[in-house]
PDB file of all heavy atoms in Angstrom:
ATOM      1  N   ALA A   1     -31.507  52.251 -12.478  1.00  0.00           N
ATOM      2  CA  ALA A   1     -31.649  51.818 -13.872  1.00  0.00           C
ATOM      3  C   ALA A   1     -30.638  50.722 -14.203  1.00  0.00           C
ATOM      4  O   ALA A   1     -30.974  49.732 -14.862  1.00  0.00           O
ATOM      5  CB  ALA A   1     -31.478  53.008 -14.817  1.00  0.00           C
ATOM      6  N   LEU A   2     -29.417  50.871 -13.724  1.00  0.00           N
ATOM      7  CA  LEU A   2     -28.402  49.850 -13.947  1.00  0.00           C
ATOM      8  C   LEU A   2     -28.763  48.554 -13.229  1.00  0.00           C
ATOM      9  O   LEU A   2     -28.604  47.469 -13.784  1.00  0.00           O
ATOM     10  CB  LEU A   2     -27.031  50.347 -13.474  1.00  0.00           C
ATOM     11  CG  LEU A   2     -25.870  49.362 -13.597  1.00  0.00           C
ATOM     12  CD1 LEU A   2     -25.675  48.920 -15.033  1.00  0.00           C
ATOM     13  CD2 LEU A   2     -24.598  49.990 -13.024  1.00  0.00           C
ATOM     14  N   GLN A   3     -29.280  48.675 -12.020  1.00  0.00           N
ATOM     15  CA  GLN A   3     -29.687  47.488 -11.276  1.00  0.00           C
ATOM     16  C   GLN A   3     -30.760  46.705 -12.023  1.00  0.00           C
ATOM     17  O   GLN A   3     -30.674  45.481 -12.143  1.00  0.00           O
ATOM     18  CB  GLN A   3     -30.186  47.880  -9.885  1.00  0.00           C
ATOM     19  CG  GLN A   3     -29.078  48.351  -8.982  1.00  0.00           C
ATOM     20  CD  GLN A   3     -29.579  48.880  -7.656  1.00  0.00           C
ATOM     21  OE1 GLN A   3     -30.693  49.404  -7.551  1.00  0.00           O
ATOM     22  NE2 GLN A   3     -28.748  48.757  -6.637  1.00  0.00           N
ATOM     23  N   ILE A   4     -31.747  47.395 -12.535  1.00  0.00           N
ATOM     24  CA  ILE A   4     -32.821  46.734 -13.278  1.00  0.00           C
ATOM     25  C   ILE A   4     -32.259  46.068 -14.534  1.00  0.00           C
ATOM     26  O   ILE A   4     -32.637  44.945 -14.881  1.00  0.00           O
ATOM     27  CB  ILE A   4     -33.946  47.735 -13.624  1.00  0.00           C
ATOM     28  CG1 ILE A   4     -34.596  48.270 -12.336  1.00  0.00           C
ATOM     29  CG2 ILE A   4     -34.979  47.101 -14.548  1.00  0.00           C
ATOM     30  CD1 ILE A   4     -35.210  47.217 -11.435  1.00  0.00           C
ATOM     31  N   GLU A   5     -31.330  46.743 -15.206  1.00  0.00           N
ATOM     32  CA  GLU A   5     -30.714  46.158 -16.396  1.00  0.00           C
ATOM     33  C   GLU A   5     -29.911  44.902 -16.046  1.00  0.00           C
ATOM     34  O   GLU A   5     -30.022  43.869 -16.717  1.00  0.00           O
ATOM     35  CB  GLU A   5     -29.792  47.174 -17.073  1.00  0.00           C
ATOM     36  CG  GLU A   5     -29.125  46.619 -18.312  1.00  0.00           C
ATOM     37  CD  GLU A   5     -28.193  47.608 -18.987  1.00  0.00           C
ATOM     38  OE1 GLU A   5     -28.248  48.815 -18.685  1.00  0.00           O
ATOM     39  OE2 GLU A   5     -27.397  47.155 -19.831  1.00  0.00           O
ATOM     40  N   VAL A   6     -29.122  44.965 -14.982  1.00  0.00           N
ATOM     41  CA  VAL A   6     -28.315  43.818 -14.567  1.00  0.00           C
ATOM     42  C   VAL A   6     -29.211  42.641 -14.191  1.00  0.00           C
ATOM     43  O   VAL A   6     -28.964  41.495 -14.583  1.00  0.00           O
ATOM     44  CB  VAL A   6     -27.380  44.197 -13.392  1.00  0.00           C
ATOM     45  CG1 VAL A   6     -26.775  42.978 -12.730  1.00  0.00           C
ATOM     46  CG2 VAL A   6     -26.291  45.153 -13.877  1.00  0.00           C
ATOM     47  N   LEU A   7     -30.264  42.914 -13.445  1.00  0.00           N
ATOM     48  CA  LEU A   7     -31.179  41.845 -13.045  1.00  0.00           C
ATOM     49  C   LEU A   7     -31.883  41.242 -14.256  1.00  0.00           C
ATOM     50  O   LEU A   7     -32.086  40.027 -14.322  1.00  0.00           O
ATOM     51  CB  LEU A   7     -32.197  42.355 -12.028  1.00  0.00           C
ATOM     52  CG  LEU A   7     -31.608  42.814 -10.694  1.00  0.00           C
ATOM     53  CD1 LEU A   7     -32.716  43.284  -9.758  1.00  0.00           C
ATOM     54  CD2 LEU A   7     -30.761  41.750 -10.051  1.00  0.00           C
ATOM     55  N   GLY A   8     -32.229  42.075 -15.216  1.00  0.00           N
ATOM     56  CA  GLY A   8     -32.848  41.572 -16.442  1.00  0.00           C
ATOM     57  C   GLY A   8     -31.907  40.667 -17.218  1.00  0.00           C
ATOM     58  O   GLY A   8     -32.316  39.619 -17.724  1.00  0.00           O
ATOM     59  N   ARG A   9     -30.655  41.052 -17.279  1.00  0.00           N
ATOM     60  CA  ARG A   9     -29.667  40.219 -17.980  1.00  0.00           C
ATOM     61  C   ARG A   9     -29.466  38.892 -17.246  1.00  0.00           C
ATOM     62  O   ARG A   9     -29.340  37.839 -17.876  1.00  0.00           O
ATOM     63  CB  ARG A   9     -28.347  40.957 -18.127  1.00  0.00           C
ATOM     64  CG  ARG A   9     -28.425  42.075 -19.137  1.00  0.00           C
ATOM     65  CD  ARG A   9     -27.096  42.835 -19.207  1.00  0.00           C
ATOM     66  NE  ARG A   9     -27.224  43.980 -20.073  1.00  0.00           N
ATOM     67  CZ  ARG A   9     -26.815  44.005 -21.328  1.00  0.00           C
ATOM     68  NH1 ARG A   9     -26.254  42.942 -21.858  1.00  0.00           N
ATOM     69  NH2 ARG A   9     -26.962  45.092 -22.048  1.00  0.00           N
ATOM     70  N   PHE A  10     -29.418  38.960 -15.919  1.00  0.00           N
ATOM     71  CA  PHE A  10     -29.267  37.735 -15.133  1.00  0.00           C
ATOM     72  C   PHE A  10     -30.445  36.800 -15.397  1.00  0.00           C
ATOM     73  O   PHE A  10     -30.256  35.626 -15.687  1.00  0.00           O
ATOM     74  CB  PHE A  10     -29.165  38.068 -13.640  1.00  0.00           C
ATOM     75  CG  PHE A  10     -28.991  36.850 -12.772  1.00  0.00           C
ATOM     76  CD1 PHE A  10     -27.733  36.331 -12.535  1.00  0.00           C
ATOM     77  CD2 PHE A  10     -30.093  36.228 -12.202  1.00  0.00           C
ATOM     78  CE1 PHE A  10     -27.574  35.197 -11.749  1.00  0.00           C
ATOM     79  CE2 PHE A  10     -29.941  35.098 -11.419  1.00  0.00           C
ATOM     80  CZ  PHE A  10     -28.680  34.581 -11.192  1.00  0.00           C
ATOM     81  N   ARG A  11     -31.652  37.336 -15.304  1.00  0.00           N
ATOM     82  CA  ARG A  11     -32.838  36.507 -15.557  1.00  0.00           C
ATOM     83  C   ARG A  11     -32.815  35.939 -16.972  1.00  0.00           C
ATOM     84  O   ARG A  11     -33.224  34.808 -17.200  1.00  0.00           O
ATOM     85  CB  ARG A  11     -34.115  37.312 -15.313  1.00  0.00           C
ATOM     86  CG  ARG A  11     -34.426  37.525 -13.848  1.00  0.00           C
ATOM     87  CD  ARG A  11     -35.822  38.093 -13.635  1.00  0.00           C
ATOM     88  NE  ARG A  11     -36.074  39.308 -14.378  1.00  0.00           N
ATOM     89  CZ  ARG A  11     -35.980  40.545 -13.873  1.00  0.00           C
ATOM     90  NH1 ARG A  11     -35.657  40.724 -12.623  1.00  0.00           N
ATOM     91  NH2 ARG A  11     -36.233  41.587 -14.625  1.00  0.00           N
ATOM     92  N   GLY A  12     -32.340  36.720 -17.922  1.00  0.00           N
ATOM     93  CA  GLY A  12     -32.267  36.259 -19.299  1.00  0.00           C
ATOM     94  C   GLY A  12     -31.293  35.106 -19.492  1.00  0.00           C
ATOM     95  O   GLY A  12     -31.492  34.258 -20.365  1.00  0.00           O
ATOM     96  N   GLN A  13     -30.273  35.045 -18.685  1.00  0.00           N
ATOM     97  CA  GLN A  13     -29.286  33.975 -18.794  1.00  0.00           C
ATOM     98  C   GLN A  13     -29.706  32.703 -18.068  1.00  0.00           C
ATOM     99  O   GLN A  13     -29.149  31.633 -18.319  1.00  0.00           O
ATOM    100  CB  GLN A  13     -27.937  34.447 -18.253  1.00  0.00           C
ATOM    101  CG  GLN A  13     -27.312  35.515 -19.126  1.00  0.00           C
ATOM    102  CD  GLN A  13     -26.015  36.015 -18.542  1.00  0.00           C
ATOM    103  OE1 GLN A  13     -25.869  36.152 -17.337  1.00  0.00           O
ATOM    104  NE2 GLN A  13     -25.058  36.300 -19.414  1.00  0.00           N
ATOM    105  N   VAL A  14     -30.683  32.799 -17.210  1.00  0.00           N
ATOM    106  CA  VAL A  14     -31.117  31.639 -16.422  1.00  0.00           C
ATOM    107  C   VAL A  14     -31.557  30.489 -17.324  1.00  0.00           C
ATOM    108  O   VAL A  14     -31.239  29.325 -17.050  1.00  0.00           O
ATOM    109  CB  VAL A  14     -32.235  32.034 -15.428  1.00  0.00           C
ATOM    110  CG1 VAL A  14     -32.938  30.819 -14.862  1.00  0.00           C
ATOM    111  CG2 VAL A  14     -31.649  32.877 -14.299  1.00  0.00           C
ATOM    112  N   GLU A  15     -32.241  30.779 -18.391  1.00  0.00           N
ATOM    113  CA  GLU A  15     -32.712  29.715 -19.283  1.00  0.00           C
ATOM    114  C   GLU A  15     -31.537  28.920 -19.850  1.00  0.00           C
ATOM    115  O   GLU A  15     -31.554  27.694 -19.873  1.00  0.00           O
ATOM    116  CB  GLU A  15     -33.561  30.290 -20.417  1.00  0.00           C
ATOM    117  CG  GLU A  15     -34.186  29.226 -21.283  1.00  0.00           C
ATOM    118  CD  GLU A  15     -35.102  29.810 -22.346  1.00  0.00           C
ATOM    119  OE1 GLU A  15     -35.863  30.751 -22.040  1.00  0.00           O
ATOM    120  OE2 GLU A  15     -35.053  29.303 -23.482  1.00  0.00           O
ATOM    121  N   GLY A  16     -30.503  29.613 -20.275  1.00  0.00           N
ATOM    122  CA  GLY A  16     -29.324  28.940 -20.805  1.00  0.00           C
ATOM    123  C   GLY A  16     -28.609  28.117 -19.746  1.00  0.00           C
ATOM    124  O   GLY A  16     -28.182  26.986 -19.997  1.00  0.00           O
ATOM    125  N   TRP A  17     -28.481  28.678 -18.549  1.00  0.00           N
ATOM    126  CA  TRP A  17     -27.838  27.931 -17.464  1.00  0.00           C
ATOM    127  C   TRP A  17     -28.656  26.703 -17.103  1.00  0.00           C
ATOM    128  O   TRP A  17     -28.110  25.637 -16.857  1.00  0.00           O
ATOM    129  CB  TRP A  17     -27.654  28.794 -16.230  1.00  0.00           C
ATOM    130  CG  TRP A  17     -26.638  29.887 -16.372  1.00  0.00           C
ATOM    131  CD1 TRP A  17     -25.452  29.829 -17.060  1.00  0.00           C
ATOM    132  CD2 TRP A  17     -26.709  31.185 -15.816  1.00  0.00           C
ATOM    133  NE1 TRP A  17     -24.792  31.029 -16.958  1.00  0.00           N
ATOM    134  CE2 TRP A  17     -25.533  31.874 -16.204  1.00  0.00           C
ATOM    135  CE3 TRP A  17     -27.646  31.848 -15.037  1.00  0.00           C
ATOM    136  CZ2 TRP A  17     -25.272  33.193 -15.816  1.00  0.00           C
ATOM    137  CZ3 TRP A  17     -27.384  33.158 -14.645  1.00  0.00           C
ATOM    138  CH2 TRP A  17     -26.210  33.810 -15.040  1.00  0.00           C
ATOM    139  N   SER A  18     -29.970  26.867 -17.078  1.00  0.00           N
ATOM    140  CA  SER A  18     -30.834  25.736 -16.735  1.00  0.00           C
ATOM    141  C   SER A  18     -30.696  24.617 -17.759  1.00  0.00           C
ATOM    142  O   SER A  18     -30.641  23.439 -17.402  1.00  0.00           O
ATOM    143  CB  SER A  18     -32.291  26.186 -16.622  1.00  0.00           C
ATOM    144  OG  SER A  18     -32.429  27.091 -15.547  1.00  0.00           O
ATOM    145  N   ALA A  19     -30.636  24.978 -19.037  1.00  0.00           N
ATOM    146  CA  ALA A  19     -30.457  23.963 -20.081  1.00  0.00           C
ATOM    147  C   ALA A  19     -29.106  23.273 -19.933  1.00  0.00           C
ATOM    148  O   ALA A  19     -29.001  22.056 -20.060  1.00  0.00           O
ATOM    149  CB  ALA A  19     -30.577  24.604 -21.462  1.00  0.00           C
ATOM    150  N   ALA A  20     -28.071  24.043 -19.640  1.00  0.00           N
ATOM    151  CA  ALA A  20     -26.736  23.463 -19.469  1.00  0.00           C
ATOM    152  C   ALA A  20     -26.673  22.574 -18.228  1.00  0.00           C
ATOM    153  O   ALA A  20     -25.989  21.551 -18.227  1.00  0.00           O
ATOM    154  CB  ALA A  20     -25.688  24.564 -19.385  1.00  0.00           C
ATOM    155  N   MET A  21     -27.407  22.936 -17.187  1.00  0.00           N
ATOM    156  CA  MET A  21     -27.425  22.108 -15.977  1.00  0.00           C
ATOM    157  C   MET A  21     -28.122  20.779 -16.235  1.00  0.00           C
ATOM    158  O   MET A  21     -27.868  19.803 -15.541  1.00  0.00           O
ATOM    159  CB  MET A  21     -28.091  22.854 -14.813  1.00  0.00           C
ATOM    160  CG  MET A  21     -27.194  23.911 -14.220  1.00  0.00           C
ATOM    161  SD  MET A  21     -27.833  24.644 -12.699  1.00  0.00           S
ATOM    162  CE  MET A  21     -29.148  25.677 -13.306  1.00  0.00           C
ATOM    163  N   ALA A  22     -28.965  20.730 -17.247  1.00  0.00           N
ATOM    164  CA  ALA A  22     -29.656  19.482 -17.584  1.00  0.00           C
ATOM    165  C   ALA A  22     -28.749  18.534 -18.367  1.00  0.00           C
ATOM    166  O   ALA A  22     -29.073  17.355 -18.515  1.00  0.00           O
ATOM    167  CB  ALA A  22     -30.919  19.782 -18.393  1.00  0.00           C
ATOM    168  N   SER A  23     -27.622  19.032 -18.818  1.00  0.00           N
ATOM    169  CA  SER A  23     -26.680  18.220 -19.590  1.00  0.00           C
ATOM    170  C   SER A  23     -25.833  17.353 -18.668  1.00  0.00           C
ATOM    171  O   SER A  23     -25.266  17.841 -17.695  1.00  0.00           O
ATOM    172  CB  SER A  23     -25.765  19.141 -20.404  1.00  0.00           C
ATOM    173  OG  SER A  23     -24.645  18.444 -20.876  1.00  0.00           O
ATOM    174  N   ALA A  24     -25.723  16.094 -18.996  1.00  0.00           N
ATOM    175  CA  ALA A  24     -24.933  15.172 -18.171  1.00  0.00           C
ATOM    176  C   ALA A  24     -23.467  15.582 -18.116  1.00  0.00           C
ATOM    177  O   ALA A  24     -22.811  15.392 -17.097  1.00  0.00           O
ATOM    178  CB  ALA A  24     -25.062  13.745 -18.718  1.00  0.00           C
ATOM    179  N   GLN A  25     -22.959  16.161 -19.180  1.00  0.00           N
ATOM    180  CA  GLN A  25     -21.556  16.550 -19.201  1.00  0.00           C
ATOM    181  C   GLN A  25     -21.326  17.985 -18.718  1.00  0.00           C
ATOM    182  O   GLN A  25     -20.282  18.276 -18.160  1.00  0.00           O
ATOM    183  CB  GLN A  25     -20.975  16.425 -20.616  1.00  0.00           C
ATOM    184  CG  GLN A  25     -20.776  15.004 -21.088  1.00  0.00           C
ATOM    185  CD  GLN A  25     -22.058  14.373 -21.606  1.00  0.00           C
ATOM    186  OE1 GLN A  25     -22.959  15.066 -22.056  1.00  0.00           O
ATOM    187  NE2 GLN A  25     -22.145  13.060 -21.511  1.00  0.00           N
ATOM    188  N   GLY A  26     -22.258  18.873 -18.952  1.00  0.00           N
ATOM    189  CA  GLY A  26     -22.005  20.290 -18.717  1.00  0.00           C
ATOM    190  C   GLY A  26     -22.565  20.886 -17.446  1.00  0.00           C
ATOM    191  O   GLY A  26     -22.411  22.082 -17.210  1.00  0.00           O
ATOM    192  N   TRP A  27     -23.177  20.088 -16.604  1.00  0.00           N
ATOM    193  CA  TRP A  27     -23.863  20.671 -15.455  1.00  0.00           C
ATOM    194  C   TRP A  27     -22.898  21.335 -14.478  1.00  0.00           C
ATOM    195  O   TRP A  27     -23.207  22.394 -13.923  1.00  0.00           O
ATOM    196  CB  TRP A  27     -24.769  19.660 -14.760  1.00  0.00           C
ATOM    197  CG  TRP A  27     -24.066  18.573 -13.997  1.00  0.00           C
ATOM    198  CD1 TRP A  27     -23.661  17.363 -14.463  1.00  0.00           C
ATOM    199  CD2 TRP A  27     -23.716  18.604 -12.613  1.00  0.00           C
ATOM    200  NE1 TRP A  27     -23.077  16.634 -13.462  1.00  0.00           N
ATOM    201  CE2 TRP A  27     -23.097  17.375 -12.305  1.00  0.00           C
ATOM    202  CE3 TRP A  27     -23.874  19.548 -11.595  1.00  0.00           C
ATOM    203  CZ2 TRP A  27     -22.623  17.073 -11.039  1.00  0.00           C
ATOM    204  CZ3 TRP A  27     -23.407  19.249 -10.327  1.00  0.00           C
ATOM    205  CH2 TRP A  27     -22.794  18.030 -10.045  1.00  0.00           C
TER     206      TRP A  27
END
């Protein structure tokens, strides 16, 4: 159950990381 929760949180953060990686200054 903890593993599924951790993986869900990781997947949820991917969108934010992807947007930040698109930034010329913040990648």
